[in-house]
Amino acid sequence: MKMSVSKDSRADVRLSVRTCLGFGIGTVGVSIMLNTVTTYFPALMSTVLGQSPEIAGYLLMISKLADAVIDVAIGSLSDRARTRWGRRKPFLLGGALLSAVSFVMLFAPPVLSEGALLLWMIAGLVIYSTAYSLFNVPYMALPAELTDGFHERTRLISFRTVFVSIGQLLAMAGTAWLIQSGGAGRSGFATMGMVMALIIGGSMTATALAVPVKHGTAPGSGKHLPGPAQLRAIARNRPFMMLLGAKVFQFLSFASVASTMLLFMLNVVGVGYSGQIAFAVTQNVVTALVMPLWVWTGKRFGKRRTYLAGVVLFCMTTLSWLLADHSITTTGIVLRGIGGGLGSGAIILMSISMLGDTQAYDRLLTGEAREGLLSSAIAVIEKVSFALGVAVLGVFLHALGYVPTTGGAIVAQPASAMLALKLGFSVIPAVMFAINGLFLWAYDLDEDKLAAARLETSEGLGNAVA
C-alpha cells in the first residue's frame, strides 16, 4: 500500500512556475514549425518559385507519410531510453538542432533547376518531419510524467497553450512581417526562415534543459516497435481511441485552414499580409488571455464540455468568412480573430490535457509507462491527417483553376479558384470540426473515472503485497 500512497501524493503536488514555464516554452518552436510550414510553404512554392500548389501539397504529403513510421519508433525508443539525462532529453535536444537546420533548408533554398529544387525540398521536408517528431513525440509524453493531478495537468497545459499563442503569433504575424519587409519574394522568405530557425532552436533547447530528468518504468518488451499485444492494449483504452478519432478530423480541419489562409487573405478578401498580421495578432492574444477562463471552465463543467464549447465557437467563426469579401474592414478581421482565439484556446488546452489523462489511464490499465508510444500514435494521426488534408487541398485548388505566380505577384484568379479558397478556408474546416465533436461527445474519461482506476490499481497492489 506504500506505493499507492506515493502515487496519490504525487497527484496532489503543485508544479512550480519554473517547471511550467520551462515545459511550455518549447511549444513556441513546435507552433512555428507546424504553422509556418503548412501556411507558407505552399505560398512560397506557388507565388515565389512558380510551382503549382498541387506540387507543394504532394511534397508535404510524401514527407509526412514517410515519417509516420519514424514517429512510432521514436515514441517507443524514448520510453525505453536509459541515459543520465533521462528518457526524453536526448530526443528533445536532437529535435531542436535538426528543426532549426530544416527550417533554413525549406525557406532559404539555393537557386537550382526545377528538378534539383524539388529534390532539395523533399530532403528538407523529410528532415523537417523527422526533427518535428524527435522533439514533439517525447514532448507530448511529458505532461503525464510531470504530474498525476487531473486538474494540475490542465494548469500545466495552460502554460503551454499561452506559449502556443506566442508561437502562432510569430508563425502567422511575425513571419508575414519579415516576408513583407523583405519584398515578399525569395529574399523575404529566406530572412524569415533564418530568423525563425534561431527562435525554434532556442525555445526547444530551453525546454530540453529545463524539464526535470525522468526515468520512469519502461515497457517490458525489448522491441522498438509495438507488437499486437501492445496495439490491443491501446485499443482497449476507449478514451484514447475516441481522442485519436477526434484528432483525425481536427488536423484535417487545421490543414485546410492553414494551407488556404494566406491565399484567401491575398485573393478573396484582398487584405494581404497586413490582414494576416491583424488576424493572427488578435486571435493569439485572445487565446493567451482566456486561459484562466478555460482552466476554470474545465474544472467547473468538465474538459469534454469545455472542448465542445470551443468547437462551436471555432465553427461559427470559420463559417463567418463565407460572408467576407474585399469590403471587409479591420473591425471584421479583429472580431473574427476574437472568435477564433476563444475557440482555439479551449480546443488546444483541453485536447492536450485530455491526452495526458488518457496516458495516465493507460499506465493504470497496463502497469507500463508508455507515454511515448501513445504520443507517437497521436503524432502519426496528426501527420497523416495533415498530409492528406494539404495534398487534397492542393489538388482541389489546381482542379478549380488556381493560377500560380512567381516573385510574389498577385493575379486575378478565376471564379472557380475563388470558390475553392472559400470552401477550403471556411466550409471544409467547419464540417471537419463538426465530425470531430461527435468523437469528443463519446469521450468519457473524467476525474471520477480516473480516480476509480487509480483506486482499483492501488487495491490490486495491496492484495499482491498482502
Protein backbone atom coordinates (compact mmCIF):
# COMPACT_ATOMS: atom_id res chain seq x y z
CA MET A 1 0.00 0.00 0.00
CA LYS A 2 3.00 2.27 0.43
CA MET A 3 3.34 2.53 -3.32
CA SER A 4 -0.23 3.76 -3.78
CA VAL A 5 0.22 6.48 -1.17
CA SER A 6 3.24 7.77 -3.05
CA LYS A 7 1.28 7.83 -6.26
CA ASP A 8 -1.62 9.71 -4.73
CA SER A 9 0.66 12.25 -3.09
CA ARG A 10 2.32 13.00 -6.42
CA ALA A 11 -1.14 13.73 -7.80
CA ASP A 12 -1.56 16.47 -5.18
CA VAL A 13 1.80 18.18 -5.79
CA ARG A 14 1.56 21.63 -7.37
CA LEU A 15 4.21 22.11 -10.02
CA SER A 16 6.47 25.14 -9.69
CA VAL A 17 6.01 28.05 -12.07
CA ARG A 18 9.59 27.47 -13.24
CA THR A 19 8.77 23.91 -14.28
CA CYS A 20 5.58 25.02 -16.04
CA LEU A 21 7.40 27.80 -17.91
CA GLY A 22 10.28 25.51 -18.82
CA PHE A 23 7.86 22.93 -20.17
CA GLY A 24 5.75 25.46 -22.04
CA ILE A 25 8.39 27.48 -23.87
CA GLY A 26 9.32 24.64 -26.20
CA THR A 27 5.94 24.80 -27.84
CA VAL A 28 6.90 28.17 -29.34
CA GLY A 29 9.20 26.22 -31.64
CA VAL A 30 6.62 23.50 -32.23
CA SER A 31 3.98 26.06 -33.21
CA ILE A 32 6.33 27.87 -35.58
CA MET A 33 7.38 24.58 -37.16
CA LEU A 34 3.82 23.37 -37.73
CA ASN A 35 2.04 26.58 -38.70
CA THR A 36 4.71 28.28 -40.76
CA VAL A 37 5.47 25.31 -42.99
CA THR A 38 1.82 24.49 -43.56
CA THR A 39 0.87 28.11 -44.26
CA TYR A 40 3.90 29.49 -46.08
CA PHE A 41 5.44 26.52 -47.87
CA PRO A 42 2.53 26.28 -50.37
CA ALA A 43 2.65 30.09 -50.75
CA LEU A 44 6.43 30.02 -51.31
CA MET A 45 6.08 27.32 -53.95
CA SER A 46 3.12 28.89 -55.78
CA THR A 47 3.84 32.64 -55.54
CA VAL A 48 7.66 32.78 -55.49
CA LEU A 49 9.08 29.60 -57.03
CA GLY A 50 6.41 29.24 -59.72
CA GLN A 51 5.24 25.76 -58.72
CA SER A 52 1.66 24.52 -58.57
CA PRO A 53 0.02 24.30 -55.12
CA GLU A 54 -0.68 20.70 -56.09
CA ILE A 55 3.07 20.02 -56.17
CA ALA A 56 3.52 21.65 -52.77
CA GLY A 57 0.72 19.51 -51.37
CA TYR A 58 2.24 16.31 -52.75
CA LEU A 59 5.66 17.17 -51.32
CA LEU A 60 4.20 17.78 -47.85
CA MET A 61 2.20 14.57 -48.05
CA ILE A 62 5.16 12.42 -49.11
CA SER A 63 7.40 13.72 -46.33
CA LYS A 64 4.82 13.26 -43.61
CA LEU A 65 3.70 9.80 -44.71
CA ALA A 66 7.32 8.64 -44.94
CA ASP A 67 7.90 9.92 -41.42
CA ALA A 68 4.84 8.28 -39.84
CA VAL A 69 6.71 5.06 -39.02
CA ILE A 70 9.54 7.12 -37.50
CA ASP A 71 7.05 8.60 -35.02
CA VAL A 72 6.26 5.17 -33.57
CA ALA A 73 9.94 4.22 -33.38
CA ILE A 74 10.82 7.48 -31.62
CA GLY A 75 7.98 7.08 -29.12
CA SER A 76 8.94 3.51 -28.29
CA LEU A 77 12.67 4.29 -28.12
CA SER A 78 12.13 7.26 -25.81
CA ASP A 79 10.01 5.09 -23.50
CA ARG A 80 12.95 2.67 -23.18
CA ALA A 81 15.85 5.12 -23.21
CA ARG A 82 18.23 4.90 -20.25
CA THR A 83 20.62 7.85 -20.05
CA ARG A 84 21.95 10.11 -17.32
CA TRP A 85 19.66 12.82 -18.77
CA GLY A 86 16.53 10.67 -18.51
CA ARG A 87 14.31 9.24 -21.22
CA ARG A 88 13.24 12.35 -23.13
CA LYS A 89 16.04 14.95 -23.02
CA PRO A 90 18.35 13.46 -25.71
CA PHE A 91 15.46 13.33 -28.17
CA LEU A 92 14.38 16.88 -27.31
CA LEU A 93 17.90 18.23 -27.89
CA GLY A 94 18.35 16.36 -31.19
CA GLY A 95 14.98 17.58 -32.40
CA ALA A 96 15.85 21.18 -31.53
CA LEU A 97 19.03 21.15 -33.62
CA LEU A 98 17.54 19.43 -36.68
CA SER A 99 14.43 21.62 -36.58
CA ALA A 100 16.49 24.78 -36.97
CA VAL A 101 18.51 23.24 -39.83
CA SER A 102 15.42 22.07 -41.72
CA PHE A 103 13.75 25.47 -41.48
CA VAL A 104 16.66 27.17 -43.22
CA MET A 105 16.65 24.47 -45.91
CA LEU A 106 12.96 24.99 -46.67
CA PHE A 107 12.74 28.77 -46.72
CA ALA A 108 16.23 29.76 -47.88
CA PRO A 109 16.85 27.28 -50.71
CA PRO A 110 19.71 27.91 -53.16
CA VAL A 111 18.96 28.83 -56.77
CA LEU A 112 18.54 25.46 -58.52
CA SER A 113 16.98 23.95 -61.61
CA GLU A 114 13.38 22.80 -61.21
CA GLY A 115 14.29 19.13 -60.77
CA ALA A 116 17.10 19.85 -58.31
CA LEU A 117 14.85 22.26 -56.39
CA LEU A 118 12.20 19.57 -55.92
CA LEU A 119 14.83 17.10 -54.64
CA TRP A 120 16.16 19.77 -52.24
CA MET A 121 12.66 20.44 -50.93
CA ILE A 122 11.94 16.73 -50.46
CA ALA A 123 15.15 16.35 -48.44
CA GLY A 124 14.33 19.45 -46.40
CA LEU A 125 10.80 18.23 -45.69
CA VAL A 126 11.98 14.77 -44.61
CA ILE A 127 14.50 16.34 -42.21
CA TYR A 128 11.79 18.76 -41.04
CA SER A 129 9.28 15.97 -40.32
CA THR A 130 11.88 13.81 -38.57
CA ALA A 131 13.07 16.74 -36.45
CA TYR A 132 9.50 17.64 -35.53
CA SER A 133 8.92 14.05 -34.37
CA LEU A 134 12.19 13.88 -32.42
CA PHE A 135 11.06 16.82 -30.33
CA ASN A 136 7.27 16.65 -30.30
CA VAL A 137 6.68 12.94 -29.61
CA PRO A 138 8.63 12.88 -26.31
CA TYR A 139 7.39 16.40 -25.57
CA MET A 140 3.76 15.26 -25.65
CA ALA A 141 4.64 12.48 -23.20
CA LEU A 142 5.87 14.94 -20.55
CA PRO A 143 2.55 16.13 -19.01
CA ALA A 144 1.61 12.62 -17.85
CA GLU A 145 5.12 12.19 -16.42
CA LEU A 146 5.35 15.54 -14.66
CA THR A 147 2.08 15.24 -12.70
CA ASP A 148 -0.71 12.77 -11.92
CA GLY A 149 -3.07 15.56 -10.84
CA PHE A 150 -6.18 15.68 -13.06
CA HIS A 151 -6.58 19.47 -12.80
CA GLU A 152 -2.88 20.17 -12.22
CA ARG A 153 -2.30 18.70 -15.66
CA THR A 154 -4.71 21.26 -17.10
CA ARG A 155 -2.84 24.02 -15.25
CA LEU A 156 0.45 22.79 -16.73
CA ILE A 157 -1.04 22.67 -20.22
CA SER A 158 -2.41 26.21 -19.79
CA PHE A 159 1.19 27.47 -19.69
CA ARG A 160 1.85 25.50 -22.86
CA THR A 161 -1.20 26.99 -24.54
CA VAL A 162 -0.02 30.53 -23.77
CA PHE A 163 3.26 29.68 -25.47
CA VAL A 164 1.28 28.12 -28.34
CA SER A 165 -0.29 31.55 -28.80
CA ILE A 166 3.14 33.20 -28.81
CA GLY A 167 4.39 30.65 -31.32
CA GLN A 168 1.37 31.06 -33.55
CA LEU A 169 1.70 34.83 -33.31
CA LEU A 170 5.27 34.55 -34.53
CA ALA A 171 4.30 31.94 -37.13
CA MET A 172 1.44 33.94 -38.63
CA ALA A 173 2.21 37.60 -37.90
CA GLY A 174 5.97 37.69 -37.32
CA THR A 175 6.67 35.66 -40.42
CA ALA A 176 4.32 37.77 -42.53
CA TRP A 177 6.08 40.95 -41.35
CA LEU A 178 9.52 39.51 -42.13
CA ILE A 179 8.45 38.31 -45.58
CA GLN A 180 6.74 41.60 -46.40
CA SER A 181 9.73 43.62 -45.15
CA GLY A 182 11.95 41.58 -47.45
CA GLY A 183 9.83 42.35 -50.50
CA ALA A 184 7.53 39.29 -50.38
CA GLY A 185 9.93 37.42 -52.66
CA ARG A 186 12.76 34.92 -52.28
CA SER A 187 14.87 37.19 -50.04
CA GLY A 188 11.91 37.86 -47.75
CA PHE A 189 11.25 34.16 -47.26
CA ALA A 190 14.97 33.50 -46.70
CA THR A 191 15.20 36.17 -43.99
CA MET A 192 12.10 34.79 -42.31
CA GLY A 193 13.49 31.24 -42.41
CA MET A 194 16.78 32.16 -40.77
CA VAL A 195 15.22 34.31 -38.04
CA MET A 196 12.61 31.70 -37.18
CA ALA A 197 15.23 28.93 -37.18
CA LEU A 198 17.04 30.72 -34.35
CA ILE A 199 13.81 31.09 -32.35
CA ILE A 200 12.85 27.45 -32.94
CA GLY A 201 16.22 26.10 -31.87
CA GLY A 202 16.40 28.38 -28.84
CA SER A 203 12.92 27.66 -27.47
CA MET A 204 13.16 23.90 -27.95
CA THR A 205 16.61 23.76 -26.35
CA ALA A 206 15.31 25.77 -23.38
CA THR A 207 12.64 23.15 -22.71
CA ALA A 208 15.10 20.28 -23.13
CA LEU A 209 17.35 21.84 -20.49
CA ALA A 210 14.58 22.98 -18.13
CA VAL A 211 12.35 19.92 -17.67
CA PRO A 212 13.20 17.59 -14.77
CA VAL A 213 15.03 14.35 -15.53
CA LYS A 214 12.52 11.48 -15.60
CA HIS A 215 13.45 7.81 -15.95
CA GLY A 216 10.11 6.07 -15.40
CA THR A 217 9.24 2.41 -15.78
CA ALA A 218 9.74 1.25 -19.34
CA PRO A 219 7.59 -1.39 -21.04
CA GLY A 220 8.87 -4.90 -20.56
CA SER A 221 9.42 -5.80 -24.20
CA GLY A 222 12.75 -5.01 -25.83
CA LYS A 223 11.13 -4.31 -29.19
CA HIS A 224 11.31 -0.82 -30.64
CA LEU A 225 8.00 -1.12 -32.48
CA PRO A 226 4.66 -2.03 -30.86
CA GLY A 227 3.55 -5.64 -31.18
CA PRO A 228 -0.01 -6.98 -31.49
CA ALA A 229 -0.41 -7.21 -27.71
CA GLN A 230 0.53 -3.55 -27.24
CA LEU A 231 -1.78 -2.47 -30.04
CA ARG A 232 -4.65 -4.42 -28.48
CA ALA A 233 -3.93 -2.76 -25.14
CA ILE A 234 -4.08 0.65 -26.80
CA ALA A 235 -7.39 -0.28 -28.44
CA ARG A 236 -8.84 -1.19 -25.03
CA ASN A 237 -8.18 2.37 -23.86
CA ARG A 238 -11.50 3.68 -25.17
CA PRO A 239 -10.99 7.33 -24.17
CA PHE A 240 -7.68 7.35 -26.04
CA MET A 241 -9.31 5.84 -29.13
CA MET A 242 -12.04 8.50 -29.09
CA LEU A 243 -9.39 11.20 -28.78
CA LEU A 244 -7.44 9.58 -31.61
CA GLY A 245 -10.51 9.62 -33.86
CA ALA A 246 -11.19 13.26 -32.99
CA LYS A 247 -7.59 14.16 -33.86
CA VAL A 248 -8.06 12.90 -37.43
CA PHE A 249 -10.73 15.49 -38.15
CA GLN A 250 -9.12 18.19 -36.02
CA PHE A 251 -5.99 18.08 -38.16
CA LEU A 252 -7.88 17.72 -41.42
CA SER A 253 -9.56 20.98 -40.42
CA PHE A 254 -6.30 22.65 -39.40
CA ALA A 255 -4.66 21.55 -42.66
CA SER A 256 -7.48 23.05 -44.68
CA VAL A 257 -7.28 26.37 -42.82
CA ALA A 258 -3.51 26.62 -42.78
CA SER A 259 -2.95 25.71 -46.43
CA THR A 260 -5.52 28.23 -47.71
CA MET A 261 -5.30 31.09 -45.19
CA LEU A 262 -2.67 33.25 -46.86
CA LEU A 263 -4.05 32.63 -50.35
CA PHE A 264 -7.53 33.51 -49.02
CA MET A 265 -6.23 36.74 -47.46
CA LEU A 266 -4.37 37.69 -50.64
CA ASN A 267 -7.06 36.82 -53.19
CA VAL A 268 -10.56 36.59 -51.68
CA VAL A 269 -10.59 39.48 -49.20
CA GLY A 270 -7.58 41.38 -50.58
CA VAL A 271 -6.05 42.27 -47.22
CA GLY A 272 -2.75 40.51 -47.89
CA TYR A 273 -0.02 40.16 -45.30
CA SER A 274 -1.32 43.13 -43.28
CA GLY A 275 -4.69 41.45 -42.81
CA GLN A 276 -3.00 38.19 -41.89
CA ILE A 277 -0.97 40.02 -39.25
CA ALA A 278 -4.07 41.73 -37.77
CA PHE A 279 -5.99 38.45 -37.63
CA ALA A 280 -3.09 36.45 -36.17
CA VAL A 281 -2.25 39.04 -33.52
CA THR A 282 -5.87 39.28 -32.36
CA GLN A 283 -6.50 35.55 -32.35
CA ASN A 284 -3.37 34.59 -30.46
CA VAL A 285 -3.52 37.40 -27.91
CA VAL A 286 -7.10 36.38 -27.12
CA THR A 287 -6.09 32.70 -26.89
CA ALA A 288 -3.46 33.57 -24.28
CA LEU A 289 -5.69 35.94 -22.30
CA VAL A 290 -8.61 33.49 -21.96
CA MET A 291 -6.53 30.65 -20.49
CA PRO A 292 -7.67 31.35 -16.90
CA LEU A 293 -11.28 31.26 -18.11
CA TRP A 294 -10.89 27.90 -19.85
CA VAL A 295 -8.95 26.40 -16.91
CA TRP A 296 -11.83 27.41 -14.62
CA THR A 297 -14.42 26.13 -17.09
CA GLY A 298 -12.63 22.79 -17.35
CA LYS A 299 -12.77 22.43 -13.56
CA ARG A 300 -16.37 23.60 -13.26
CA PHE A 301 -18.02 21.91 -16.24
CA GLY A 302 -15.50 19.26 -17.31
CA LYS A 303 -12.89 19.07 -20.04
CA ARG A 304 -15.16 17.47 -22.63
CA ARG A 305 -17.85 20.14 -22.38
CA THR A 306 -15.25 22.89 -22.46
CA TYR A 307 -13.70 21.39 -25.60
CA LEU A 308 -17.10 21.15 -27.30
CA ALA A 309 -17.81 24.80 -26.45
CA GLY A 310 -14.57 25.65 -28.23
CA VAL A 311 -15.65 23.63 -31.27
CA VAL A 312 -18.91 25.60 -31.51
CA LEU A 313 -17.06 28.94 -31.32
CA PHE A 314 -14.50 27.82 -33.89
CA CYS A 315 -17.13 26.63 -36.37
CA MET A 316 -19.19 29.82 -36.04
CA THR A 317 -16.12 31.97 -36.64
CA THR A 318 -14.90 29.89 -39.56
CA LEU A 319 -18.26 29.92 -41.33
CA SER A 320 -18.46 33.71 -40.96
CA TRP A 321 -15.66 34.03 -43.54
CA LEU A 322 -18.18 32.99 -46.21
CA LEU A 323 -19.65 36.48 -45.90
CA ALA A 324 -16.29 38.23 -46.31
CA ASP A 325 -15.05 39.92 -49.49
CA HIS A 326 -12.90 42.92 -50.48
CA SER A 327 -15.18 45.22 -48.46
CA ILE A 328 -14.07 43.66 -45.17
CA THR A 329 -12.94 46.14 -42.52
CA THR A 330 -10.28 45.88 -39.84
CA THR A 331 -13.10 45.53 -37.32
CA GLY A 332 -14.42 42.50 -39.21
CA ILE A 333 -10.99 40.88 -39.14
CA VAL A 334 -10.49 41.63 -35.43
CA LEU A 335 -13.92 40.25 -34.46
CA ARG A 336 -13.16 37.02 -36.28
CA GLY A 337 -9.79 36.93 -34.54
CA ILE A 338 -11.53 37.20 -31.17
CA GLY A 339 -13.93 34.36 -32.01
CA GLY A 340 -11.14 32.20 -33.36
CA GLY A 341 -8.97 32.88 -30.31
CA LEU A 342 -11.74 31.90 -27.90
CA GLY A 343 -12.49 28.65 -29.73
CA SER A 344 -8.87 27.70 -30.40
CA GLY A 345 -7.91 28.30 -26.77
CA ALA A 346 -10.44 25.78 -25.48
CA ILE A 347 -9.62 23.22 -28.17
CA ILE A 348 -5.84 23.35 -27.74
CA LEU A 349 -5.88 23.41 -23.94
CA MET A 350 -8.38 20.62 -23.43
CA SER A 351 -7.17 18.30 -26.20
CA ILE A 352 -3.61 18.18 -24.83
CA SER A 353 -4.84 17.94 -21.24
CA MET A 354 -7.10 15.02 -22.18
CA LEU A 355 -4.19 13.32 -23.95
CA GLY A 356 -2.26 13.44 -20.67
CA ASP A 357 -5.28 11.96 -18.88
CA THR A 358 -5.52 9.07 -21.36
CA GLN A 359 -1.80 8.40 -20.94
CA ALA A 360 -2.20 8.27 -17.15
CA TYR A 361 -5.23 5.99 -17.61
CA ASP A 362 -3.20 3.69 -19.88
CA ARG A 363 -0.47 3.44 -17.23
CA LEU A 364 -3.09 2.32 -14.71
CA LEU A 365 -4.60 -0.21 -17.13
CA THR A 366 -1.31 -1.79 -18.23
CA GLY A 367 1.15 -1.06 -15.43
CA GLU A 368 3.61 0.27 -18.01
CA ALA A 369 4.83 3.80 -18.76
CA ARG A 370 4.06 4.04 -22.48
CA GLU A 371 3.51 7.78 -22.81
CA GLY A 372 5.95 7.96 -25.72
CA LEU A 373 4.17 5.20 -27.62
CA LEU A 374 0.77 6.83 -27.18
CA SER A 375 2.20 10.22 -28.12
CA SER A 376 3.67 8.68 -31.26
CA ALA A 377 0.27 7.24 -32.20
CA ILE A 378 -1.20 10.74 -31.91
CA ALA A 379 1.71 12.15 -33.91
CA VAL A 380 1.17 9.61 -36.70
CA ILE A 381 -2.52 10.50 -36.90
CA GLU A 382 -1.71 14.22 -36.89
CA LYS A 383 0.87 13.90 -39.65
CA VAL A 384 -1.15 11.59 -41.89
CA SER A 385 -4.29 13.71 -41.48
CA PHE A 386 -2.36 16.93 -42.06
CA ALA A 387 -0.57 15.49 -45.08
CA LEU A 388 -3.75 14.21 -46.68
CA GLY A 389 -5.55 17.46 -45.94
CA VAL A 390 -2.84 19.62 -47.50
CA ALA A 391 -2.47 17.31 -50.52
CA VAL A 392 -6.20 17.15 -51.18
CA LEU A 393 -6.49 20.95 -50.88
CA GLY A 394 -3.61 21.34 -53.33
CA VAL A 395 -5.31 19.06 -55.85
CA PHE A 396 -8.61 20.83 -55.18
CA LEU A 397 -7.15 24.28 -55.88
CA HIS A 398 -5.39 23.04 -59.02
CA ALA A 399 -8.55 21.34 -60.30
CA LEU A 400 -10.58 24.52 -59.84
CA GLY A 401 -8.07 26.59 -61.77
CA TYR A 402 -5.86 28.37 -59.23
CA VAL A 403 -3.14 30.27 -61.16
CA PRO A 404 0.39 30.07 -59.62
CA THR A 405 2.77 33.05 -59.92
CA THR A 406 6.40 33.98 -59.27
CA GLY A 407 8.06 36.81 -57.37
CA GLY A 408 5.09 37.27 -55.01
CA ALA A 409 2.86 38.63 -57.78
CA ILE A 410 -0.92 38.60 -57.29
CA VAL A 411 -3.06 37.99 -60.39
CA ALA A 412 -6.82 37.85 -60.92
CA GLN A 413 -8.00 34.33 -60.14
CA PRO A 414 -10.96 32.68 -61.89
CA ALA A 415 -14.27 32.46 -60.03
CA SER A 416 -13.81 28.71 -59.58
CA ALA A 417 -10.49 29.22 -57.78
CA MET A 418 -12.06 31.87 -55.52
CA LEU A 419 -14.81 29.39 -54.64
CA ALA A 420 -12.19 26.75 -53.84
CA LEU A 421 -10.43 29.14 -51.46
CA LYS A 422 -13.71 30.00 -49.70
CA LEU A 423 -14.61 26.34 -49.27
CA GLY A 424 -11.11 25.43 -48.11
CA PHE A 425 -10.86 28.24 -45.56
CA SER A 426 -14.45 28.20 -44.29
CA VAL A 427 -16.80 25.31 -45.07
CA ILE A 428 -14.45 22.32 -45.06
CA PRO A 429 -12.85 23.20 -41.68
CA ALA A 430 -16.28 23.64 -40.07
CA VAL A 431 -17.51 20.28 -41.37
CA MET A 432 -14.35 18.53 -40.16
CA PHE A 433 -14.72 20.00 -36.68
CA ALA A 434 -18.39 19.04 -36.53
CA ILE A 435 -17.32 15.41 -37.03
CA ASN A 436 -14.51 15.93 -34.53
CA GLY A 437 -17.11 17.00 -31.97
CA LEU A 438 -19.00 13.72 -32.40
CA PHE A 439 -15.94 11.76 -31.26
CA LEU A 440 -15.47 14.02 -28.25
CA TRP A 441 -19.14 13.62 -27.39
CA ALA A 442 -18.36 9.91 -26.83
CA TYR A 443 -15.23 10.64 -24.73
CA ASP A 444 -15.95 9.59 -21.13
CA LEU A 445 -12.71 9.88 -19.12
CA ASP A 446 -13.35 12.32 -16.27
CA GLU A 447 -11.80 12.84 -12.85
CA ASP A 448 -14.03 10.23 -11.19
CA LYS A 449 -13.24 7.51 -13.73
CA LEU A 450 -9.50 8.17 -13.47
CA ALA A 451 -9.68 8.13 -9.65
CA ALA A 452 -11.61 4.84 -9.73
CA ALA A 453 -8.96 3.29 -11.97
CA ARG A 454 -6.21 4.52 -9.63
CA LEU A 455 -8.04 3.08 -6.62
CA GLU A 456 -8.51 -0.27 -8.36
CA THR A 457 -4.81 -0.39 -9.21
CA SER A 458 -3.85 0.51 -5.63
CA GLU A 459 -6.08 -2.22 -4.22
CA GLY A 460 -4.58 -4.72 -6.63
CA LEU A 461 -1.07 -3.79 -5.50
CA GLY A 462 -2.14 -4.01 -1.87
CA ASN A 463 -3.57 -7.50 -2.34
CA ALA A 464 -0.41 -8.59 -4.14
CA VAL A 465 1.77 -7.33 -1.25
CA ALA A 466 -0.50 -8.97 1.31
